[in-house]
Every structure is written in structure tokens, then in C-alpha cells.
């Protein structure tokens, strides 16, 4: 709906539309792109530190400080210890009420496994297991169906989405996908400069998207030229 609204605002103008996703946002972006295939209304995609297989990423995170931190943040979000807009509070209250989630058990959550037991499995009862839910939410099985130019970037030192999550071979079987890996970058950090005052991924992303625009513009000009030649030949 958002993309349709933006496209309507630019109706009649020459404009390209791109999607850039980070972490779970990248997973959602590529899963959606794979599901929609040629119907996708974006012209190119960039995926940063995508887990691809969310079930694998969750299991690799277990027993790490990041798991405890994220579980704690989600617990505080649900129990109201973190500030949020009233509209979001309403969504959470509806979630808790509709699925009869025990808020007292949520207050005791200390790990991702606790989170899955007391919330995920109850909020998504259509799945037989938590693993089924995470596998359904993953983009791994969808990337072969992506139909637009896509740049995948992943850092080998990512502590939250480990490098093992990157399905390089599976990505490269799709000719629309380019995979770029770097030694350092953390989890969507990619700082540069002596004091790390800048992040380099916006520049790389811009170069990729500029190249996509150039290729598309060359294709558009060729199509227009071919049409003119046909029209002249028919005169």
C-alpha cells in the first residue's frame, strides 16, 4: 500500500523505486520479493545482514549475550517498560488478550526459548511447531524467485546474524543477485574513518542503484529507438 501510494504521487514522472532492508527487515523484503516475483513493484533491492534462515539464526544466537539482550528488550516492550506510541500499545494489548498470553510469564522471560514458549507459539497457533513458524518466515526458499537486481551484503564478523546464515551458493544460482562479503562490519554497522564517524554501506548502495538506473535507462532508450525505427519503416 505504501509503495502504491508513493507511485501514485509520482505518477507521470520518471522515477525508480528501490527497497533496502536490514537484518529481519532484509529477510522480509527478499521473502516478499520472491513471493511476488514479476509482480513486485520495486526496481532493485539491497539486503544487509539478512538471516535468510531465521530458524538457523535463532539457534546460532542461543546462549549468547545478544540473545539475552534481545529477549530482555522484547520483554520490556510487551510489559510496557519501554515507551511507545499509544497506537502500538493498543496492538500489543490486543495481541495479549486475543491469544490469552500470560503477562506474568512474559515478565520471567530470559531467553529466546522462553519467548517462543510463552508468546510465539501462542500468537501463531497455525503452526505445529516454533520451527515451522520461523521457516515459513524465512526468505531462503524464496530467493530463487526474485526477478529484480539485488545486492546482498554480509559481514563475516556479524555477532547477531553469523556468517553461516549467508546462503551464498543459493543466492548466486539466481542471476539477478550479487553477493558481497566483507571481513569487518558487525551487524549492519560498516563504520569507516579513524573514529568511525561514517558508515560506508550507503555509498556502496548508491553506486549499485545508480548502475541499475543506468542499465534501465539504456534499455528504455533502446526500446524507444526500436519503436521509432518501426514507425519510420511503416511510413
Protein backbone atom coordinates (compact mmCIF):
# COMPACT_ATOMS: atom_id res chain seq x y z
CA UNK A 1 0.00 0.00 0.00
CA UNK A 2 2.84 2.38 0.83
CA UNK A 3 4.59 1.73 -2.48
CA UNK A 4 1.33 2.14 -4.41
CA UNK A 5 0.75 5.48 -2.65
CA UNK A 6 4.26 6.74 -3.44
CA UNK A 7 3.98 5.63 -7.06
CA UNK A 8 0.67 7.48 -7.36
CA UNK A 9 2.32 10.65 -6.03
CA UNK A 10 4.99 10.38 -8.74
CA UNK A 11 2.53 9.40 -11.47
CA UNK A 12 3.65 10.68 -14.84
CA UNK A 13 7.20 11.35 -13.66
CA UNK A 14 10.27 9.30 -14.48
CA UNK A 15 11.08 7.64 -11.16
CA UNK A 16 12.61 4.40 -9.93
CA UNK A 17 11.71 2.66 -6.67
CA UNK A 18 14.11 0.63 -4.56
CA UNK A 19 13.91 -1.41 -1.38
CA UNK A 20 16.67 -1.50 1.23
CA UNK A 21 16.31 -3.89 4.17
CA UNK A 22 18.43 -4.52 7.24
CA UNK A 23 18.56 -7.73 9.28
CA UNK A 24 15.00 -9.09 9.72
CA UNK A 25 13.79 -6.23 7.51
CA UNK A 26 16.05 -7.58 4.75
CA UNK A 27 14.62 -11.05 5.28
CA UNK A 28 11.07 -9.71 4.95
CA UNK A 29 12.00 -7.68 1.86
CA UNK A 30 13.54 -10.60 -0.02
CA UNK A 31 10.83 -13.04 1.06
CA UNK A 32 8.20 -10.64 -0.27
CA UNK A 33 10.16 -10.12 -3.49
CA UNK A 34 10.42 -13.88 -4.02
CA UNK A 35 6.73 -14.40 -3.35
CA UNK A 36 5.67 -11.63 -5.73
CA UNK A 37 8.18 -12.42 -8.49
CA UNK A 38 7.47 -10.35 -11.59
CA UNK A 39 4.60 -8.59 -9.81
CA UNK A 40 6.99 -6.78 -7.44
CA UNK A 41 6.69 -3.02 -7.86
CA UNK A 42 10.30 -2.26 -6.82
CA UNK A 43 13.08 -1.89 -9.39
CA UNK A 44 16.01 -3.15 -7.29
CA UNK A 45 16.76 -4.43 -3.78
CA UNK A 46 19.57 -4.24 -1.24
CA UNK A 47 19.80 -6.74 1.61
CA UNK A 48 22.07 -6.05 4.59
CA UNK A 49 22.96 -8.78 7.11
CA UNK A 50 19.92 -10.87 6.24
CA UNK A 51 19.44 -14.05 8.36
CA UNK A 52 17.72 -15.80 5.38
CA UNK A 53 17.06 -18.90 7.50
CA UNK A 54 15.58 -17.36 10.66
CA UNK A 55 15.41 -20.70 12.48
CA UNK A 56 19.15 -21.22 11.93
CA UNK A 57 19.91 -17.65 13.05
CA UNK A 58 17.85 -18.05 16.22
CA UNK A 59 19.63 -21.27 17.14
CA UNK A 60 23.09 -19.83 16.46
CA UNK A 61 22.24 -16.94 18.76
CA UNK A 62 21.31 -19.14 21.71
CA UNK A 63 23.36 -18.80 24.90
CA UNK A 64 24.99 -15.58 23.71
CA UNK A 65 24.80 -12.13 25.35
CA UNK A 66 22.86 -10.89 22.32
CA UNK A 67 20.11 -13.44 22.91
CA UNK A 68 19.67 -12.29 26.49
CA UNK A 69 19.70 -8.63 25.46
CA UNK A 70 17.11 -9.06 22.71
CA UNK A 71 14.89 -11.24 24.88
CA UNK A 72 15.07 -8.59 27.60
CA UNK A 73 14.21 -5.78 25.20
CA UNK A 74 11.19 -7.67 23.86
CA UNK A 75 10.08 -8.48 27.38
CA UNK A 76 10.23 -4.81 28.35
CA UNK A 77 8.37 -3.88 25.18
CA UNK A 78 5.50 -6.24 25.95
CA UNK A 79 5.31 -5.41 29.65
CA UNK A 80 5.27 -1.68 28.97
CA UNK A 81 8.64 -0.76 30.43
CA UNK A 82 9.72 0.75 27.12
CA UNK A 83 7.91 3.85 25.89
CA UNK A 84 5.94 3.56 22.66
CA UNK A 85 3.12 5.36 20.85
CA UNK A 86 -0.40 4.69 22.11
CA UNK A 87 -1.35 3.03 18.83
CA UNK A 88 1.40 0.42 19.26
CA UNK A 89 0.34 -0.18 22.86
CA UNK A 90 -3.13 -0.94 21.56
CA UNK A 91 -1.75 -3.53 19.13
CA UNK A 92 0.19 -5.27 21.91
CA UNK A 93 -2.80 -5.22 24.27
CA UNK A 94 -4.94 -6.79 21.55
CA UNK A 95 -2.27 -9.45 20.94
CA UNK A 96 -2.12 -10.37 24.63
CA UNK A 97 -5.89 -10.50 25.02
CA UNK A 98 -6.71 -12.32 21.77
CA UNK A 99 -4.21 -15.13 22.37
CA UNK A 100 -4.59 -15.25 26.17
CA UNK A 101 -0.91 -14.68 26.74
CA UNK A 102 0.14 -14.76 30.39
CA UNK A 103 1.87 -11.46 31.07
CA UNK A 104 3.31 -12.82 34.34
CA UNK A 105 5.19 -15.50 32.41
CA UNK A 106 6.41 -12.90 29.91
CA UNK A 107 7.92 -10.97 32.82
CA UNK A 108 10.14 -14.00 33.57
CA UNK A 109 11.49 -14.36 30.01
CA UNK A 110 15.31 -14.51 29.91
CA UNK A 111 16.00 -16.33 26.66
CA UNK A 112 14.66 -16.70 23.15
CA UNK A 113 13.42 -20.19 24.02
CA UNK A 114 11.32 -18.67 26.83
CA UNK A 115 9.99 -16.09 24.39
CA UNK A 116 8.98 -18.77 21.89
CA UNK A 117 7.29 -20.85 24.57
CA UNK A 118 5.24 -18.09 26.15
CA UNK A 119 4.45 -15.87 23.16
CA UNK A 120 5.45 -17.03 19.66
CA UNK A 121 3.81 -20.46 19.89
CA UNK A 122 0.62 -18.91 21.28
CA UNK A 123 0.41 -15.88 18.95
CA UNK A 124 0.83 -18.10 15.86
CA UNK A 125 -1.21 -21.23 16.63
CA UNK A 126 -1.50 -22.12 12.94
CA UNK A 127 1.99 -23.61 13.02
CA UNK A 128 2.57 -27.02 14.60
CA UNK A 129 5.98 -26.03 15.95
CA UNK A 130 8.01 -22.89 16.51
CA UNK A 131 10.45 -24.15 13.86
CA UNK A 132 7.60 -24.28 11.32
CA UNK A 133 6.81 -20.64 12.08
CA UNK A 134 10.41 -19.48 11.63
CA UNK A 135 10.92 -21.49 8.46
CA UNK A 136 7.73 -20.00 6.98
CA UNK A 137 9.00 -16.53 7.87
CA UNK A 138 12.39 -17.13 6.21
CA UNK A 139 13.42 -15.82 2.79
CA UNK A 140 15.78 -18.71 1.98
CA UNK A 141 13.34 -20.71 -0.13
CA UNK A 142 12.09 -17.58 -1.95
CA UNK A 143 15.32 -16.03 -3.24
CA UNK A 144 15.37 -18.19 -6.38
CA UNK A 145 12.18 -16.44 -7.48
CA UNK A 146 13.47 -12.85 -7.15
CA UNK A 147 13.14 -11.06 -10.50
CA UNK A 148 14.86 -7.69 -9.89
CA UNK A 149 18.56 -6.75 -9.44
CA UNK A 150 19.51 -7.47 -5.84
CA UNK A 151 22.68 -6.71 -3.85
CA UNK A 152 23.30 -8.85 -0.75
CA UNK A 153 25.91 -7.56 1.73
CA UNK A 154 27.07 -9.51 4.79
CA UNK A 155 29.99 -9.08 7.19
CA UNK A 156 31.95 -12.10 8.38
CA UNK A 157 32.15 -10.76 11.93
CA UNK A 158 28.40 -10.25 12.41
CA UNK A 159 27.76 -11.31 16.04
CA UNK A 160 23.95 -11.43 15.76
CA UNK A 161 23.41 -12.96 12.31
CA UNK A 162 26.54 -15.14 11.93
CA UNK A 163 28.19 -15.55 8.55
CA UNK A 164 26.96 -19.16 8.45
CA UNK A 165 23.49 -17.77 7.79
CA UNK A 166 24.51 -16.40 4.38
CA UNK A 167 23.45 -18.92 1.67
CA UNK A 168 25.99 -17.76 -0.91
CA UNK A 169 25.51 -20.64 -3.37
CA UNK A 170 21.74 -20.40 -3.23
CA UNK A 171 21.88 -16.65 -3.86
CA UNK A 172 24.28 -16.98 -6.78
CA UNK A 173 22.08 -19.51 -8.56
CA UNK A 174 19.82 -16.54 -9.23
CA UNK A 175 21.48 -14.35 -11.91
CA UNK A 176 19.66 -11.31 -10.51
CA UNK A 177 21.58 -11.46 -7.22
CA UNK A 178 25.07 -10.14 -6.41
CA UNK A 179 26.67 -11.21 -3.10
CA UNK A 180 29.29 -9.03 -1.39
CA UNK A 181 31.07 -10.15 1.78
CA UNK A 182 33.47 -8.17 3.96
CA UNK A 183 35.75 -9.13 6.85
CA UNK A 184 34.59 -6.35 9.19
CA UNK A 185 31.25 -4.64 9.60
CA UNK A 186 29.47 -6.08 12.62
CA UNK A 187 25.70 -6.23 12.46
CA UNK A 188 24.72 -3.51 9.97
CA UNK A 189 27.45 -1.18 11.29
CA UNK A 190 30.03 -0.80 8.50
CA UNK A 191 31.77 2.16 10.09
CA UNK A 192 34.65 3.90 8.32
CA UNK A 193 37.13 6.63 9.19
CA UNK A 194 39.59 6.88 12.07
CA UNK A 195 36.80 7.48 14.58
CA UNK A 196 34.09 5.56 12.78
CA UNK A 197 32.17 8.75 12.12
CA UNK A 198 30.76 7.50 8.82
CA UNK A 199 29.15 4.32 7.56
CA UNK A 200 30.15 3.12 4.11
CA UNK A 201 27.19 0.97 3.10
CA UNK A 202 25.10 3.98 1.89
CA UNK A 203 27.81 4.82 -0.66
CA UNK A 204 28.07 1.23 -1.92
CA UNK A 205 24.28 1.01 -2.07
CA UNK A 206 24.08 4.26 -4.04
CA UNK A 207 26.69 3.01 -6.55
CA UNK A 208 24.74 -0.20 -7.10
CA UNK A 209 21.42 1.58 -7.53
CA UNK A 210 22.99 4.14 -9.87
CA UNK A 211 24.29 1.28 -12.02
CA UNK A 212 20.80 -0.27 -12.07
CA UNK A 213 19.32 3.04 -13.22
CA UNK A 214 21.93 3.34 -15.99
CA UNK A 215 21.14 -0.14 -17.30
CA UNK A 216 17.40 0.52 -17.17
CA UNK A 217 17.76 3.87 -18.92
CA UNK A 218 19.87 2.31 -21.67
CA UNK A 219 17.20 -0.34 -22.13
CA UNK A 220 14.47 2.30 -22.23
CA UNK A 221 16.32 4.35 -24.85
CA UNK A 222 16.90 1.26 -27.00
CA UNK A 223 13.21 0.34 -26.84
CA UNK A 224 12.22 3.88 -27.84
CA UNK A 225 14.73 3.81 -30.71
CA UNK A 226 13.39 0.46 -31.92
CA UNK A 227 9.83 1.82 -31.83
CA UNK A 228 10.85 4.87 -33.87
CA UNK A 229 12.56 2.66 -36.45
CA UNK A 230 9.45 0.54 -36.80
CA UNK A 231 7.28 3.63 -37.15
CA UNK A 232 9.57 5.12 -39.84
CA UNK A 233 9.69 1.83 -41.71
CA UNK A 234 5.90 1.74 -41.84
CA UNK A 235 5.58 5.25 -43.30
